């Protein structure tokens, strides 16, 4: 099977330079705040420790795909929404 990926004019270098941990952390924190949840509430609902969740939100942890899927489910978003880079001011 052949997979074709479309990269921009820079050959994908911009994606490689993206700090994905910070992107995910910002998206998790923003959605949690939109829902009016505390870190404790989100962590408990997703089956995570509060300090681990805090590390994710600060961009200090590298969560697995399964952890990201649990967070997305609890936050009521699609998994790709957690990976969407911020393109402007929020």
PDB file of N, CA and C in Angstrom:
ATOM      1  N   UNK A   1       0.842  -1.161   0.000  1.00  0.00           N
ATOM      2  CA  UNK A   1       0.000   0.000   0.000  1.00  0.00           C
ATOM      3  C   UNK A   1       0.897   1.236   0.000  1.00  0.00           C
ATOM      4  N   UNK A   2       0.534   2.201  -0.805  1.00  0.00           N
ATOM      5  CA  UNK A   2       1.303   3.429  -0.899  1.00  0.00           C
ATOM      6  C   UNK A   2       0.534   4.568  -0.251  1.00  0.00           C
ATOM      7  N   UNK A   3       1.192   5.287   0.628  1.00  0.00           N
ATOM      8  CA  UNK A   3       0.570   6.424   1.305  1.00  0.00           C
ATOM      9  C   UNK A   3       1.221   7.693   0.790  1.00  0.00           C
ATOM     10  N   UNK A   4       0.413   8.642   0.402  1.00  0.00           N
ATOM     11  CA  UNK A   4       0.914   9.914  -0.086  1.00  0.00           C
ATOM     12  C   UNK A   4       0.586  11.007   0.914  1.00  0.00           C
ATOM     13  N   UNK A   5       1.584  11.746   1.315  1.00  0.00           N
ATOM     14  CA  UNK A   5       1.385  12.856   2.233  1.00  0.00           C
ATOM     15  C   UNK A   5       1.642  14.158   1.498  1.00  0.00           C
ATOM     16  N   UNK A   6       0.788  15.118   1.717  1.00  0.00           N
ATOM     17  CA  UNK A   6       0.954  16.426   1.088  1.00  0.00           C
ATOM     18  C   UNK A   6       1.615  17.376   2.080  1.00  0.00           C
ATOM     19  N   UNK A   7       2.786  17.850   1.722  1.00  0.00           N
ATOM     20  CA  UNK A   7       3.493  18.818   2.547  1.00  0.00           C
ATOM     21  C   UNK A   7       3.491  20.144   1.826  1.00  0.00           C
ATOM     22  N   UNK A   8       3.607  21.210   2.575  1.00  0.00           N
ATOM     23  CA  UNK A   8       3.632  22.534   1.982  1.00  0.00           C
ATOM     24  C   UNK A   8       4.913  22.766   1.215  1.00  0.00           C
ATOM     25  N   UNK A   9       5.084  23.997   0.765  1.00  0.00           N
ATOM     26  CA  UNK A   9       6.246  24.365  -0.028  1.00  0.00           C
ATOM     27  C   UNK A   9       7.551  24.153   0.730  1.00  0.00           C
ATOM     28  N   UNK A  10       7.464  24.104   2.066  1.00  0.00           N
ATOM     29  CA  UNK A  10       8.673  23.920   2.870  1.00  0.00           C
ATOM     30  C   UNK A  10       9.030  22.453   3.066  1.00  0.00           C
ATOM     31  N   UNK A  11       8.293  21.554   2.416  1.00  0.00           N
ATOM     32  CA  UNK A  11       8.587  20.128   2.532  1.00  0.00           C
ATOM     33  C   UNK A  11       8.222  19.530   3.868  1.00  0.00           C
ATOM     34  N   UNK A  12       7.370  20.195   4.632  1.00  0.00           N
ATOM     35  CA  UNK A  12       6.940  19.668   5.916  1.00  0.00           C
ATOM     36  C   UNK A  12       7.785  20.107   7.086  1.00  0.00           C
ATOM     37  N   UNK A  13       8.769  20.974   6.844  1.00  0.00           N
ATOM     38  CA  UNK A  13       9.642  21.408   7.936  1.00  0.00           C
ATOM     39  C   UNK A  13       8.885  22.159   9.018  1.00  0.00           C
ATOM     40  N   UNK A  14       7.859  22.918   8.656  1.00  0.00           N
ATOM     41  CA  UNK A  14       7.095  23.658   9.668  1.00  0.00           C
ATOM     42  C   UNK A  14       6.412  22.692  10.626  1.00  0.00           C
ATOM     43  N   UNK A  15       5.868  21.591  10.100  1.00  0.00           N
ATOM     44  CA  UNK A  15       5.235  20.594  10.971  1.00  0.00           C
ATOM     45  C   UNK A  15       6.250  19.947  11.893  1.00  0.00           C
ATOM     46  N   UNK A  16       7.442  19.692  11.372  1.00  0.00           N
ATOM     47  CA  UNK A  16       8.475  19.058  12.184  1.00  0.00           C
ATOM     48  C   UNK A  16       8.930  19.962  13.317  1.00  0.00           C
ATOM     49  N   UNK A  17       8.847  21.282  13.128  1.00  0.00           N
ATOM     50  CA  UNK A  17       9.284  22.232  14.144  1.00  0.00           C
ATOM     51  C   UNK A  17       8.198  22.536  15.161  1.00  0.00           C
ATOM     52  N   UNK A  18       6.989  22.071  14.922  1.00  0.00           N
ATOM     53  CA  UNK A  18       5.880  22.342  15.834  1.00  0.00           C
ATOM     54  C   UNK A  18       6.108  21.636  17.160  1.00  0.00           C
ATOM     55  N   UNK A  19       5.896  22.348  18.252  1.00  0.00           N
ATOM     56  CA  UNK A  19       5.988  21.753  19.586  1.00  0.00           C
ATOM     57  C   UNK A  19       4.627  21.114  19.894  1.00  0.00           C
ATOM     58  N   UNK A  20       4.476  19.863  19.502  1.00  0.00           N
ATOM     59  CA  UNK A  20       3.186  19.180  19.602  1.00  0.00           C
ATOM     60  C   UNK A  20       2.714  19.018  21.026  1.00  0.00           C
ATOM     61  N   UNK A  21       3.629  18.879  21.968  1.00  0.00           N
ATOM     62  CA  UNK A  21       3.207  18.761  23.368  1.00  0.00           C
ATOM     63  C   UNK A  21       2.529  20.041  23.836  1.00  0.00           C
ATOM     64  N   UNK A  22       3.058  21.187  23.424  1.00  0.00           N
ATOM     65  CA  UNK A  22       2.435  22.464  23.792  1.00  0.00           C
ATOM     66  C   UNK A  22       1.103  22.664  23.082  1.00  0.00           C
ATOM     67  N   UNK A  23       1.027  22.234  21.823  1.00  0.00           N
ATOM     68  CA  UNK A  23      -0.227  22.341  21.068  1.00  0.00           C
ATOM     69  C   UNK A  23      -1.315  21.540  21.783  1.00  0.00           C
ATOM     70  N   UNK A  24      -1.016  20.293  22.099  1.00  0.00           N
ATOM     71  CA  UNK A  24      -1.990  19.441  22.775  1.00  0.00           C
ATOM     72  C   UNK A  24      -2.360  20.022  24.131  1.00  0.00           C
ATOM     73  N   UNK A  25      -1.365  20.442  24.887  1.00  0.00           N
ATOM     74  CA  UNK A  25      -1.625  21.000  26.212  1.00  0.00           C
ATOM     75  C   UNK A  25      -2.522  22.223  26.173  1.00  0.00           C
ATOM     76  N   UNK A  26      -2.257  23.123  25.242  1.00  0.00           N
ATOM     77  CA  UNK A  26      -3.088  24.323  25.108  1.00  0.00           C
ATOM     78  C   UNK A  26      -4.519  23.965  24.747  1.00  0.00           C
ATOM     79  N   UNK A  27      -4.671  23.020  23.832  1.00  0.00           N
ATOM     80  CA  UNK A  27      -6.015  22.616  23.401  1.00  0.00           C
ATOM     81  C   UNK A  27      -6.783  21.924  24.518  1.00  0.00           C
ATOM     82  N   UNK A  28      -6.106  21.082  25.288  1.00  0.00           N
ATOM     83  CA  UNK A  28      -6.762  20.407  26.417  1.00  0.00           C
ATOM     84  C   UNK A  28      -7.185  21.445  27.453  1.00  0.00           C
ATOM     85  N   UNK A  29      -6.282  22.348  27.821  1.00  0.00           N
ATOM     86  CA  UNK A  29      -6.596  23.367  28.828  1.00  0.00           C
ATOM     87  C   UNK A  29      -7.741  24.265  28.366  1.00  0.00           C
ATOM     88  N   UNK A  30      -7.681  24.700  27.116  1.00  0.00           N
ATOM     89  CA  UNK A  30      -8.729  25.593  26.617  1.00  0.00           C
ATOM     90  C   UNK A  30     -10.102  24.913  26.655  1.00  0.00           C
ATOM     91  N   UNK A  31     -10.171  23.675  26.194  1.00  0.00           N
ATOM     92  CA  UNK A  31     -11.459  22.970  26.179  1.00  0.00           C
ATOM     93  C   UNK A  31     -11.939  22.693  27.610  1.00  0.00           C
ATOM     94  N   UNK A  32     -11.029  22.315  28.494  1.00  0.00           N
ATOM     95  CA  UNK A  32     -11.396  22.068  29.896  1.00  0.00           C
ATOM     96  C   UNK A  32     -11.996  23.325  30.509  1.00  0.00           C
ATOM     97  N   UNK A  33     -11.354  24.464  30.250  1.00  0.00           N
ATOM     98  CA  UNK A  33     -11.869  25.727  30.779  1.00  0.00           C
ATOM     99  C   UNK A  33     -13.220  26.086  30.169  1.00  0.00           C
ATOM    100  N   UNK A  34     -13.404  25.817  28.878  1.00  0.00           N
ATOM    101  CA  UNK A  34     -14.695  26.072  28.233  1.00  0.00           C
ATOM    102  C   UNK A  34     -15.814  25.285  28.906  1.00  0.00           C
ATOM    103  N   UNK A  35     -15.476  24.084  29.345  1.00  0.00           N
ATOM    104  CA  UNK A  35     -16.463  23.221  30.000  1.00  0.00           C
ATOM    105  C   UNK A  35     -16.619  23.536  31.490  1.00  0.00           C
ATOM    106  N   UNK A  36     -15.796  24.413  32.010  1.00  0.00           N
ATOM    107  CA  UNK A  36     -15.857  24.755  33.429  1.00  0.00           C
ATOM    108  C   UNK A  36     -15.379  23.633  34.335  1.00  0.00           C
ATOM    109  N   UNK A  37     -14.479  22.801  33.837  1.00  0.00           N
ATOM    110  CA  UNK A  37     -13.953  21.681  34.621  1.00  0.00           C
ATOM    111  C   UNK A  37     -12.647  22.065  35.295  1.00  0.00           C
ATOM    112  N   UNK A  38     -12.414  21.491  36.461  1.00  0.00           N
ATOM    113  CA  UNK A  38     -11.119  21.628  37.109  1.00  0.00           C
ATOM    114  C   UNK A  38     -10.201  20.533  36.576  1.00  0.00           C
ATOM    115  N   UNK A  39      -8.910  20.685  36.832  1.00  0.00           N
ATOM    116  CA  UNK A  39      -7.978  19.619  36.465  1.00  0.00           C
ATOM    117  C   UNK A  39      -8.334  18.328  37.187  1.00  0.00           C
ATOM    118  N   UNK A  40      -8.735  18.436  38.442  1.00  0.00           N
ATOM    119  CA  UNK A  40      -9.109  17.240  39.203  1.00  0.00           C
ATOM    120  C   UNK A  40     -10.282  16.521  38.553  1.00  0.00           C
ATOM    121  N   UNK A  41     -11.287  17.284  38.122  1.00  0.00           N
ATOM    122  CA  UNK A  41     -12.468  16.674  37.502  1.00  0.00           C
ATOM    123  C   UNK A  41     -12.103  15.981  36.191  1.00  0.00           C
ATOM    124  N   UNK A  42     -11.332  16.666  35.344  1.00  0.00           N
ATOM    125  CA  UNK A  42     -10.946  16.068  34.059  1.00  0.00           C
ATOM    126  C   UNK A  42     -10.071  14.849  34.274  1.00  0.00           C
ATOM    127  N   UNK A  43      -9.101  14.967  35.165  1.00  0.00           N
ATOM    128  CA  UNK A  43      -8.195  13.845  35.426  1.00  0.00           C
ATOM    129  C   UNK A  43      -8.969  12.618  35.903  1.00  0.00           C
ATOM    130  N   UNK A  44      -9.889  12.821  36.840  1.00  0.00           N
ATOM    131  CA  UNK A  44     -10.674  11.699  37.365  1.00  0.00           C
ATOM    132  C   UNK A  44     -11.543  11.090  36.273  1.00  0.00           C
ATOM    133  N   UNK A  45     -12.166  11.916  35.462  1.00  0.00           N
ATOM    134  CA  UNK A  45     -13.047  11.422  34.397  1.00  0.00           C
ATOM    135  C   UNK A  45     -12.279  10.644  33.332  1.00  0.00           C
ATOM    136  N   UNK A  46     -11.019  11.039  33.112  1.00  0.00           N
ATOM    137  CA  UNK A  46     -10.203  10.381  32.086  1.00  0.00           C
ATOM    138  C   UNK A  46      -9.340   9.255  32.659  1.00  0.00           C
ATOM    139  N   UNK A  47      -9.410   9.055  33.976  1.00  0.00           N
ATOM    140  CA  UNK A  47      -8.613   8.003  34.600  1.00  0.00           C
ATOM    141  C   UNK A  47      -7.129   8.335  34.671  1.00  0.00           C
ATOM    142  N   UNK A  48      -6.826   9.631  34.857  1.00  0.00           N
ATOM    143  CA  UNK A  48      -5.438  10.087  34.931  1.00  0.00           C
ATOM    144  C   UNK A  48      -5.175  10.727  36.282  1.00  0.00           C
ATOM    145  N   UNK A  49      -3.920  10.859  36.632  1.00  0.00           N
ATOM    146  CA  UNK A  49      -3.550  11.609  37.826  1.00  0.00           C
ATOM    147  C   UNK A  49      -3.579  13.099  37.527  1.00  0.00           C
ATOM    148  N   UNK A  50      -3.899  13.911  38.537  1.00  0.00           N
ATOM    149  CA  UNK A  50      -3.974  15.353  38.312  1.00  0.00           C
ATOM    150  C   UNK A  50      -2.621  15.938  37.937  1.00  0.00           C
ATOM    151  N   UNK A  51      -1.556  15.462  38.540  1.00  0.00           N
ATOM    152  CA  UNK A  51      -0.240  16.011  38.209  1.00  0.00           C
ATOM    153  C   UNK A  51       0.171  15.631  36.788  1.00  0.00           C
ATOM    154  N   UNK A  52      -0.227  14.425  36.352  1.00  0.00           N
ATOM    155  CA  UNK A  52       0.062  14.013  34.974  1.00  0.00           C
ATOM    156  C   UNK A  52      -0.695  14.913  34.002  1.00  0.00           C
ATOM    157  N   UNK A  53      -1.978  15.173  34.283  1.00  0.00           N
ATOM    158  CA  UNK A  53      -2.769  16.058  33.437  1.00  0.00           C
ATOM    159  C   UNK A  53      -2.163  17.459  33.425  1.00  0.00           C
ATOM    160  N   UNK A  54      -1.733  17.942  34.586  1.00  0.00           N
ATOM    161  CA  UNK A  54      -1.091  19.254  34.649  1.00  0.00           C
ATOM    162  C   UNK A  54       0.148  19.314  33.765  1.00  0.00           C
ATOM    163  N   UNK A  55       0.914  18.226  33.750  1.00  0.00           N
ATOM    164  CA  UNK A  55       2.097  18.155  32.887  1.00  0.00           C
ATOM    165  C   UNK A  55       1.731  18.173  31.414  1.00  0.00           C
ATOM    166  N   UNK A  56       0.626  17.509  31.064  1.00  0.00           N
ATOM    167  CA  UNK A  56       0.148  17.539  29.674  1.00  0.00           C
ATOM    168  C   UNK A  56      -0.218  18.966  29.303  1.00  0.00           C
ATOM    169  N   UNK A  57      -0.986  19.635  30.157  1.00  0.00           N
ATOM    170  CA  UNK A  57      -1.431  20.998  29.864  1.00  0.00           C
ATOM    171  C   UNK A  57      -0.266  21.986  29.765  1.00  0.00           C
ATOM    172  N   UNK A  58       0.807  21.733  30.491  1.00  0.00           N
ATOM    173  CA  UNK A  58       1.983  22.604  30.436  1.00  0.00           C
ATOM    174  C   UNK A  58       2.907  22.254  29.275  1.00  0.00           C
ATOM    175  N   UNK A  59       2.582  21.192  28.538  1.00  0.00           N
ATOM    176  CA  UNK A  59       3.435  20.774  27.434  1.00  0.00           C
ATOM    177  C   UNK A  59       4.692  20.058  27.884  1.00  0.00           C
ATOM    178  N   UNK A  60       4.666  19.517  29.101  1.00  0.00           N
ATOM    179  CA  UNK A  60       5.830  18.833  29.664  1.00  0.00           C
ATOM    180  C   UNK A  60       5.750  17.320  29.540  1.00  0.00           C
ATOM    181  N   UNK A  61       4.571  16.807  29.200  1.00  0.00           N
ATOM    182  CA  UNK A  61       4.393  15.357  29.089  1.00  0.00           C
ATOM    183  C   UNK A  61       4.086  14.998  27.645  1.00  0.00           C
ATOM    184  N   UNK A  62       4.359  13.754  27.293  1.00  0.00           N
ATOM    185  CA  UNK A  62       4.139  13.261  25.941  1.00  0.00           C
ATOM    186  C   UNK A  62       3.099  12.136  26.033  1.00  0.00           C
ATOM    187  N   UNK A  63       1.802  12.503  26.062  1.00  0.00           N
ATOM    188  CA  UNK A  63       0.769  11.489  26.283  1.00  0.00           C
ATOM    189  C   UNK A  63       0.655  10.505  25.121  1.00  0.00           C
ATOM    190  N   UNK A  64       0.305   9.277  25.455  1.00  0.00           N
ATOM    191  CA  UNK A  64       0.111   8.250  24.427  1.00  0.00           C
ATOM    192  C   UNK A  64      -1.163   8.529  23.646  1.00  0.00           C
ATOM    193  N   UNK A  65      -1.309   7.841  22.556  1.00  0.00           N
ATOM    194  CA  UNK A  65      -2.509   7.959  21.732  1.00  0.00           C
ATOM    195  C   UNK A  65      -3.746   7.565  22.534  1.00  0.00           C
ATOM    196  N   UNK A  66      -3.632   6.551  23.364  1.00  0.00           N
ATOM    197  CA  UNK A  66      -4.766   6.113  24.174  1.00  0.00           C
ATOM    198  C   UNK A  66      -5.172   7.177  25.194  1.00  0.00           C
ATOM    199  N   UNK A  67      -4.198   7.842  25.789  1.00  0.00           N
ATOM    200  CA  UNK A  67      -4.504   8.918  26.733  1.00  0.00           C
ATOM    201  C   UNK A  67      -5.171  10.069  25.993  1.00  0.00           C
ATOM    202  N   UNK A  68      -4.651  10.425  24.820  1.00  0.00           N
ATOM    203  CA  UNK A  68      -5.262  11.497  24.031  1.00  0.00           C
ATOM    204  C   UNK A  68      -6.701  11.151  23.657  1.00  0.00           C
ATOM    205  N   UNK A  69      -6.945   9.896  23.309  1.00  0.00           N
ATOM    206  CA  UNK A  69      -8.299   9.466  22.947  1.00  0.00           C
ATOM    207  C   UNK A  69      -9.240   9.577  24.146  1.00  0.00           C
ATOM    208  N   UNK A  70      -8.768   9.196  25.338  1.00  0.00           N
ATOM    209  CA  UNK A  70      -9.607   9.323  26.538  1.00  0.00           C
ATOM    210  C   UNK A  70      -9.907  10.779  26.842  1.00  0.00           C
ATOM    211  N   UNK A  71      -8.898  11.640  26.714  1.00  0.00           N
ATOM    212  CA  UNK A  71      -9.121  13.065  26.957  1.00  0.00           C
ATOM    213  C   UNK A  71     -10.119  13.643  25.962  1.00  0.00           C
ATOM    214  N   UNK A  72      -9.954  13.291  24.698  1.00  0.00           N
ATOM    215  CA  UNK A  72     -10.873  13.789  23.669  1.00  0.00           C
ATOM    216  C   UNK A  72     -12.300  13.359  23.972  1.00  0.00           C
ATOM    217  N   UNK A  73     -12.471  12.120  24.374  1.00  0.00           N
ATOM    218  CA  UNK A  73     -13.813  11.618  24.683  1.00  0.00           C
ATOM    219  C   UNK A  73     -14.435  12.391  25.845  1.00  0.00           C
ATOM    220  N   UNK A  74     -13.687  12.557  26.921  1.00  0.00           N
ATOM    221  CA  UNK A  74     -14.210  13.262  28.095  1.00  0.00           C
ATOM    222  C   UNK A  74     -14.481  14.731  27.766  1.00  0.00           C
ATOM    223  N   UNK A  75     -13.632  15.329  26.939  1.00  0.00           N
ATOM    224  CA  UNK A  75     -13.793  16.738  26.582  1.00  0.00           C
ATOM    225  C   UNK A  75     -14.847  16.951  25.495  1.00  0.00           C
ATOM    226  N   UNK A  76     -15.324  15.867  24.910  1.00  0.00           N
ATOM    227  CA  UNK A  76     -16.364  15.976  23.895  1.00  0.00           C
ATOM    228  C   UNK A  76     -15.886  16.549  22.578  1.00  0.00           C
ATOM    229  N   UNK A  77     -14.630  16.239  22.224  1.00  0.00           N
ATOM    230  CA  UNK A  77     -14.080  16.705  20.950  1.00  0.00           C
ATOM    231  C   UNK A  77     -13.540  15.507  20.175  1.00  0.00           C
ATOM    232  N   UNK A  78     -13.321  15.703  18.900  1.00  0.00           N
ATOM    233  CA  UNK A  78     -12.676  14.675  18.091  1.00  0.00           C
ATOM    234  C   UNK A  78     -11.179  14.715  18.367  1.00  0.00           C
ATOM    235  N   UNK A  79     -10.538  13.574  18.302  1.00  0.00           N
ATOM    236  CA  UNK A  79      -9.104  13.493  18.584  1.00  0.00           C
ATOM    237  C   UNK A  79      -8.287  14.501  17.767  1.00  0.00           C
ATOM    238  N   UNK A  80      -8.553  14.674  16.475  1.00  0.00           N
ATOM    239  CA  UNK A  80      -7.763  15.663  15.716  1.00  0.00           C
ATOM    240  C   UNK A  80      -7.872  17.089  16.259  1.00  0.00           C
ATOM    241  N   UNK A  81      -8.958  17.398  16.952  1.00  0.00           N
ATOM    242  CA  UNK A  81      -9.105  18.739  17.532  1.00  0.00           C
ATOM    243  C   UNK A  81      -8.021  19.020  18.565  1.00  0.00           C
ATOM    244  N   UNK A  82      -7.551  18.003  19.255  1.00  0.00           N
ATOM    245  CA  UNK A  82      -6.499  18.194  20.252  1.00  0.00           C
ATOM    246  C   UNK A  82      -5.142  18.442  19.591  1.00  0.00           C
ATOM    247  N   UNK A  83      -5.031  18.074  18.319  1.00  0.00           N
ATOM    248  CA  UNK A  83      -3.762  18.205  17.603  1.00  0.00           C
ATOM    249  C   UNK A  83      -3.728  19.414  16.672  1.00  0.00           C
ATOM    250  N   UNK A  84      -4.794  20.208  16.667  1.00  0.00           N
ATOM    251  CA  UNK A  84      -4.878  21.342  15.754  1.00  0.00           C
ATOM    252  C   UNK A  84      -4.010  22.489  16.256  1.00  0.00           C
ATOM    253  N   UNK A  85      -2.962  22.839  15.509  1.00  0.00           N
ATOM    254  CA  UNK A  85      -2.112  23.960  15.925  1.00  0.00           C
ATOM    255  C   UNK A  85      -2.897  25.266  15.974  1.00  0.00           C
ATOM    256  N   UNK A  86      -2.547  26.083  16.921  1.00  0.00           N
ATOM    257  CA  UNK A  86      -3.169  27.394  17.051  1.00  0.00           C
ATOM    258  C   UNK A  86      -2.580  28.283  15.962  1.00  0.00           C
ATOM    259  N   UNK A  87      -3.470  28.877  15.147  1.00  0.00           N
ATOM    260  CA  UNK A  87      -2.987  29.686  14.035  1.00  0.00           C
ATOM    261  C   UNK A  87      -3.111  31.177  14.283  1.00  0.00           C
ATOM    262  N   UNK A  88      -3.810  31.558  15.324  1.00  0.00           N
ATOM    263  CA  UNK A  88      -3.974  32.990  15.609  1.00  0.00           C
ATOM    264  C   UNK A  88      -4.317  33.194  17.065  1.00  0.00           C
ATOM    265  N   UNK A  89      -4.628  34.408  17.409  1.00  0.00           N
ATOM    266  CA  UNK A  89      -5.008  34.717  18.791  1.00  0.00           C
ATOM    267  C   UNK A  89      -6.349  34.093  19.109  1.00  0.00           C
ATOM    268  N   UNK A  90      -6.482  33.606  20.346  1.00  0.00           N
ATOM    269  CA  UNK A  90      -7.735  32.974  20.755  1.00  0.00           C
ATOM    270  C   UNK A  90      -8.491  33.893  21.653  1.00  0.00           C
TER     271      UNK A  90
END
